[in-house]
Amino acid sequence: MISKNDIKYFASLNQKKFRKQEKRFLAEGIKTVLEGIESYYPVDLILVTHEFAENNKETLKVLKRKNLRTELINSQDFQKISDTKNPQGIIGLFRFDKLNFSTVKELPKILVYIDNVSDPGNLGTILRNCDWFGINEILISTNSAEFLNPKVIRASMGSVFHLTVYDDVDFNLLFELKSKGYKILCSDLEGENISELKFPDKFIITLSSESLGPSEEIVRAADKFVTIPKFGNAESLNVAVASGIILSRIKF
């Protein structure tokens, strides 16, 4: 049985400080939960409303086959936990351990570094774009949104569960990777046309907030600045939109 204290505990995980403290996070929605239970993140619990259980019997069969603890709760209690206005009636409770990039034995050819992207919707969309274009290792700066924020997970449409994400990454790592042969390609309003770029053997694409531009440290680390050609009068491109265009131009 789920107690009132349990409900308060689950609801607290909508706040970053409690996620970090407990090393647990919530993922909401049928597609996201099904993606999550197939990932490397351990599952502690699945919560479903009575209405969800009645209308989604096949999903419950999947959860039962995987021997996942599944508990029924009423809609009022579910709403106290949910981060959405119109919840689907299913939430997963997952565990996580903070990943340390220094422990990686085989470095990938391509990395994406996300710099100063504070909007959860933008970050989630960037992660989804990375997933689509097959770039699986993502570095997120300390001044960006947290990738386990419920809004980020929702915007990623489950892609969070397909990627290896390193968060709170200090700028110094970029300089360390440069010493290992990586080139830093900084996306900016001015630079070489991304469509005409000859990509290095190993490189890091940096994506920054469109309003603030690349951080000072990114500019210092950059080997080359790249851009998307502009033909109209818009001042800038949304960083999530720009990420899709830039990643689509990468030749593996």
Protein backbone atom coordinates (compact mmCIF):
# COMPACT_ATOMS: atom_id res chain seq x y z
CA MET A 1 0.00 0.00 0.00
CA ILE A 2 1.10 3.57 -0.75
CA SER A 3 0.93 5.84 2.33
CA LYS A 4 0.51 9.60 2.59
CA ASN A 5 4.19 9.85 3.48
CA ASP A 6 5.03 7.91 0.32
CA ILE A 7 3.01 10.40 -1.73
CA LYS A 8 4.90 13.30 -0.14
CA TYR A 9 8.20 11.55 -0.84
CA PHE A 10 7.38 10.93 -4.51
CA ALA A 11 6.19 14.53 -4.92
CA SER A 12 9.45 15.81 -3.42
CA LEU A 13 11.34 14.22 -6.33
CA ASN A 14 9.96 16.92 -8.60
CA GLN A 15 12.62 19.12 -6.96
CA LYS A 16 16.25 18.91 -8.02
CA LYS A 17 17.72 18.94 -4.49
CA PHE A 18 15.73 15.86 -3.48
CA ARG A 19 16.56 14.02 -6.71
CA LYS A 20 20.26 14.59 -6.05
CA GLN A 21 19.91 13.66 -2.40
CA GLU A 22 17.91 10.48 -3.01
CA LYS A 23 19.47 9.54 -6.38
CA ARG A 24 16.00 8.86 -7.69
CA PHE A 25 13.83 10.50 -10.32
CA LEU A 26 10.33 10.24 -11.76
CA ALA A 27 9.42 9.60 -15.38
CA GLU A 28 5.81 10.12 -16.39
CA GLY A 29 3.66 8.92 -19.28
CA ILE A 30 3.19 5.55 -20.90
CA LYS A 31 5.79 5.92 -23.67
CA THR A 32 8.42 7.34 -21.35
CA VAL A 33 7.91 4.69 -18.68
CA LEU A 34 8.10 1.88 -21.26
CA GLU A 35 11.34 3.39 -22.61
CA GLY A 36 12.67 3.66 -19.07
CA ILE A 37 12.07 0.05 -18.08
CA GLU A 38 14.11 -1.07 -21.09
CA SER A 39 17.06 1.19 -20.16
CA TYR A 40 20.00 0.72 -17.79
CA TYR A 41 18.27 2.78 -15.08
CA PRO A 42 17.04 0.52 -12.25
CA VAL A 43 13.29 0.67 -11.61
CA ASP A 44 12.04 0.84 -8.02
CA LEU A 45 8.33 1.21 -8.58
CA ILE A 46 5.59 1.92 -11.11
CA LEU A 47 2.53 3.87 -9.96
CA VAL A 48 -0.71 3.71 -11.95
CA THR A 49 -4.19 5.05 -11.38
CA HIS A 50 -7.21 2.79 -11.29
CA GLU A 51 -8.40 4.35 -14.57
CA PHE A 52 -5.07 3.65 -16.25
CA ALA A 53 -5.10 0.05 -15.07
CA GLU A 54 -8.62 -0.42 -16.44
CA ASN A 55 -7.80 1.04 -19.87
CA ASN A 56 -4.24 -0.25 -20.38
CA LYS A 57 -4.26 -3.93 -19.55
CA GLU A 58 -1.57 -4.76 -22.12
CA THR A 59 0.83 -2.32 -20.47
CA LEU A 60 0.18 -3.91 -17.09
CA LYS A 61 0.98 -7.30 -18.61
CA VAL A 62 4.33 -5.93 -19.77
CA LEU A 63 5.09 -4.66 -16.25
CA LYS A 64 4.07 -8.00 -14.75
CA ARG A 65 6.26 -9.97 -17.19
CA LYS A 66 9.21 -7.86 -16.08
CA ASN A 67 8.33 -8.53 -12.45
CA LEU A 68 8.18 -4.82 -11.68
CA ARG A 69 6.52 -3.64 -8.50
CA THR A 70 3.34 -1.88 -9.60
CA GLU A 71 0.99 -0.10 -7.21
CA LEU A 72 -2.48 1.35 -7.75
CA ILE A 73 -3.29 4.82 -6.39
CA ASN A 74 -6.27 7.08 -6.75
CA SER A 75 -6.31 9.98 -9.19
CA GLN A 76 -6.20 12.63 -6.46
CA ASP A 77 -2.96 11.23 -5.00
CA PHE A 78 -1.52 10.76 -8.47
CA GLN A 79 -2.14 14.42 -9.25
CA LYS A 80 -0.10 15.39 -6.17
CA ILE A 81 2.89 13.55 -7.65
CA SER A 82 2.40 14.42 -11.30
CA ASP A 83 4.25 17.29 -12.96
CA THR A 84 1.66 17.61 -15.75
CA LYS A 85 -1.78 19.20 -15.98
CA ASN A 86 -3.38 16.24 -17.75
CA PRO A 87 -1.49 13.15 -16.56
CA GLN A 88 -1.84 9.82 -18.34
CA GLY A 89 -1.95 7.96 -15.04
CA ILE A 90 1.43 6.18 -14.99
CA ILE A 91 4.72 7.21 -13.33
CA GLY A 92 7.95 5.28 -12.92
CA LEU A 93 10.37 5.72 -10.02
CA PHE A 94 13.95 5.15 -11.21
CA ARG A 95 17.37 5.18 -9.56
CA PHE A 96 20.51 6.76 -10.95
CA ASP A 97 24.20 7.13 -10.20
CA LYS A 98 26.07 10.20 -11.35
CA LEU A 99 28.32 9.25 -14.26
CA ASN A 100 31.94 10.34 -14.29
CA PHE A 101 33.43 10.98 -17.74
CA SER A 102 36.96 10.37 -16.45
CA THR A 103 36.12 6.67 -16.10
CA VAL A 104 35.31 6.25 -19.81
CA LYS A 105 37.76 3.75 -21.33
CA GLU A 106 36.87 4.07 -25.01
CA LEU A 107 36.34 7.68 -26.06
CA PRO A 108 33.72 8.28 -28.75
CA LYS A 109 34.54 10.07 -32.01
CA ILE A 110 31.83 12.70 -31.49
CA LEU A 111 30.62 14.44 -28.35
CA VAL A 112 28.03 17.14 -27.84
CA TYR A 113 28.63 19.74 -25.12
CA ILE A 114 25.54 21.67 -24.03
CA ASP A 115 26.43 25.09 -22.65
CA ASN A 116 24.16 27.39 -20.64
CA VAL A 117 20.86 25.92 -21.92
CA SER A 118 18.60 26.59 -18.95
CA ASP A 119 15.22 25.96 -20.57
CA PRO A 120 14.13 22.33 -19.88
CA GLY A 121 12.11 22.12 -23.10
CA ASN A 122 15.11 23.15 -25.19
CA LEU A 123 17.42 20.73 -23.39
CA GLY A 124 14.98 17.84 -23.81
CA THR A 125 14.59 18.57 -27.52
CA ILE A 126 18.36 18.73 -28.00
CA LEU A 127 18.69 15.31 -26.34
CA ARG A 128 15.98 13.97 -28.63
CA ASN A 129 17.83 15.37 -31.65
CA CYS A 130 21.10 13.79 -30.50
CA ASP A 131 19.32 10.46 -30.14
CA TRP A 132 17.82 10.77 -33.64
CA PHE A 133 21.19 11.47 -35.25
CA GLY A 134 23.00 8.73 -33.37
CA ILE A 135 25.16 10.84 -31.06
CA ASN A 136 25.01 8.97 -27.78
CA GLU A 137 27.46 10.67 -25.41
CA ILE A 138 26.35 14.07 -24.14
CA LEU A 139 28.15 16.50 -21.84
CA ILE A 140 26.04 19.09 -20.01
CA SER A 141 27.56 22.15 -18.36
CA THR A 142 27.01 23.16 -14.76
CA ASN A 143 25.07 26.24 -15.96
CA SER A 144 22.48 24.22 -17.91
CA ALA A 145 19.20 22.63 -16.85
CA GLU A 146 19.33 19.27 -15.10
CA PHE A 147 18.67 16.44 -17.54
CA LEU A 148 16.54 14.46 -15.05
CA ASN A 149 14.15 17.38 -14.61
CA PRO A 150 10.65 15.99 -15.42
CA LYS A 151 10.16 18.63 -18.12
CA VAL A 152 13.45 17.65 -19.78
CA ILE A 153 12.54 13.96 -19.71
CA ARG A 154 9.13 14.74 -21.18
CA ALA A 155 10.55 16.97 -23.94
CA SER A 156 13.11 14.30 -24.82
CA MET A 157 10.24 11.85 -25.53
CA GLY A 158 12.15 9.08 -23.77
CA SER A 159 15.51 9.80 -25.44
CA VAL A 160 17.06 10.43 -22.00
CA PHE A 161 16.87 6.66 -21.57
CA HIS A 162 18.79 5.96 -24.79
CA LEU A 163 21.76 8.23 -24.14
CA THR A 164 24.79 8.38 -21.87
CA VAL A 165 24.59 11.80 -20.25
CA TYR A 166 27.26 13.42 -18.08
CA ASP A 167 25.97 16.46 -16.22
CA ASP A 168 27.64 19.23 -14.20
CA VAL A 169 30.62 18.98 -16.55
CA ASP A 170 33.26 21.61 -15.92
CA PHE A 171 34.73 23.58 -18.83
CA ASN A 172 38.17 22.21 -17.92
CA LEU A 173 37.16 18.88 -19.44
CA LEU A 174 37.10 20.51 -22.87
CA PHE A 175 40.76 21.48 -22.50
CA GLU A 176 41.61 17.96 -21.32
CA LEU A 177 39.89 16.50 -24.38
CA LYS A 178 41.75 18.92 -26.65
CA SER A 179 44.99 17.45 -25.31
CA LYS A 180 43.69 14.03 -26.42
CA GLY A 181 43.20 15.15 -30.01
CA TYR A 182 39.64 16.48 -29.97
CA LYS A 183 38.76 19.64 -31.87
CA ILE A 184 36.16 21.99 -30.37
CA LEU A 185 33.58 23.18 -32.91
CA CYS A 186 31.69 26.08 -31.39
CA SER A 187 28.28 26.85 -32.90
CA ASP A 188 27.70 30.60 -33.04
CA LEU A 189 26.03 33.34 -35.08
CA GLU A 190 29.18 33.75 -37.14
CA GLY A 191 31.60 31.13 -38.40
CA GLU A 192 32.19 28.61 -41.15
CA ASN A 193 29.11 27.27 -42.93
CA ILE A 194 28.34 23.97 -41.20
CA SER A 195 27.27 22.45 -44.54
CA GLU A 196 30.72 23.09 -46.04
CA LEU A 197 32.77 22.04 -43.05
CA LYS A 198 35.30 19.22 -43.27
CA PHE A 199 34.88 17.48 -39.95
CA PRO A 200 37.95 16.46 -37.91
CA ASP A 201 38.53 12.84 -36.90
CA LYS A 202 37.48 13.56 -33.32
CA PHE A 203 35.46 16.58 -32.29
CA ILE A 204 33.06 18.16 -29.84
CA ILE A 205 30.12 20.24 -31.02
CA THR A 206 29.14 22.90 -28.49
CA LEU A 207 25.56 24.17 -28.37
CA SER A 208 24.84 27.33 -26.39
CA SER A 209 21.90 29.50 -25.39
CA GLU A 210 20.83 31.66 -28.33
CA SER A 211 20.27 34.68 -26.08
CA LEU A 212 23.63 34.57 -24.31
CA GLY A 213 25.85 32.91 -26.90
CA PRO A 214 28.83 30.68 -26.06
CA SER A 215 30.38 31.02 -22.62
CA GLU A 216 33.75 32.73 -22.39
CA GLU A 217 35.44 29.41 -21.64
CA ILE A 218 33.91 27.83 -24.76
CA VAL A 219 35.21 30.68 -26.90
CA ARG A 220 38.70 30.22 -25.46
CA ALA A 221 38.60 26.46 -26.06
CA ALA A 222 37.19 26.65 -29.59
CA ASP A 223 39.29 25.48 -32.54
CA LYS A 224 36.69 26.59 -35.05
CA PHE A 225 33.41 28.51 -35.07
CA VAL A 226 30.58 27.09 -37.17
CA THR A 227 27.22 28.54 -38.10
CA ILE A 228 24.00 27.96 -40.03
CA PRO A 229 23.75 30.39 -42.95
CA LYS A 230 21.15 33.14 -42.48
CA PHE A 231 18.99 34.39 -45.35
CA GLY A 232 16.24 36.29 -43.56
CA ASN A 233 15.93 38.91 -40.84
CA ALA A 234 15.58 36.77 -37.69
CA GLU A 235 18.06 37.75 -35.01
CA SER A 236 18.85 34.17 -34.00
CA LEU A 237 17.72 30.54 -34.15
CA ASN A 238 16.31 28.71 -31.16
CA VAL A 239 19.11 26.47 -29.84
CA ALA A 240 17.01 23.31 -30.04
CA VAL A 241 16.08 24.02 -33.68
CA ALA A 242 19.70 24.89 -34.47
CA SER A 243 20.91 21.66 -32.88
CA GLY A 244 18.80 19.58 -35.26
CA ILE A 245 20.18 21.41 -38.30
CA ILE A 246 23.79 21.22 -37.09
CA LEU A 247 23.64 17.54 -36.13
CA SER A 248 22.04 16.67 -39.48
CA ARG A 249 25.12 18.02 -41.25
CA ILE A 250 27.59 15.80 -39.40
CA LYS A 251 29.17 13.17 -41.59
CA PHE A 252 30.19 10.05 -39.66
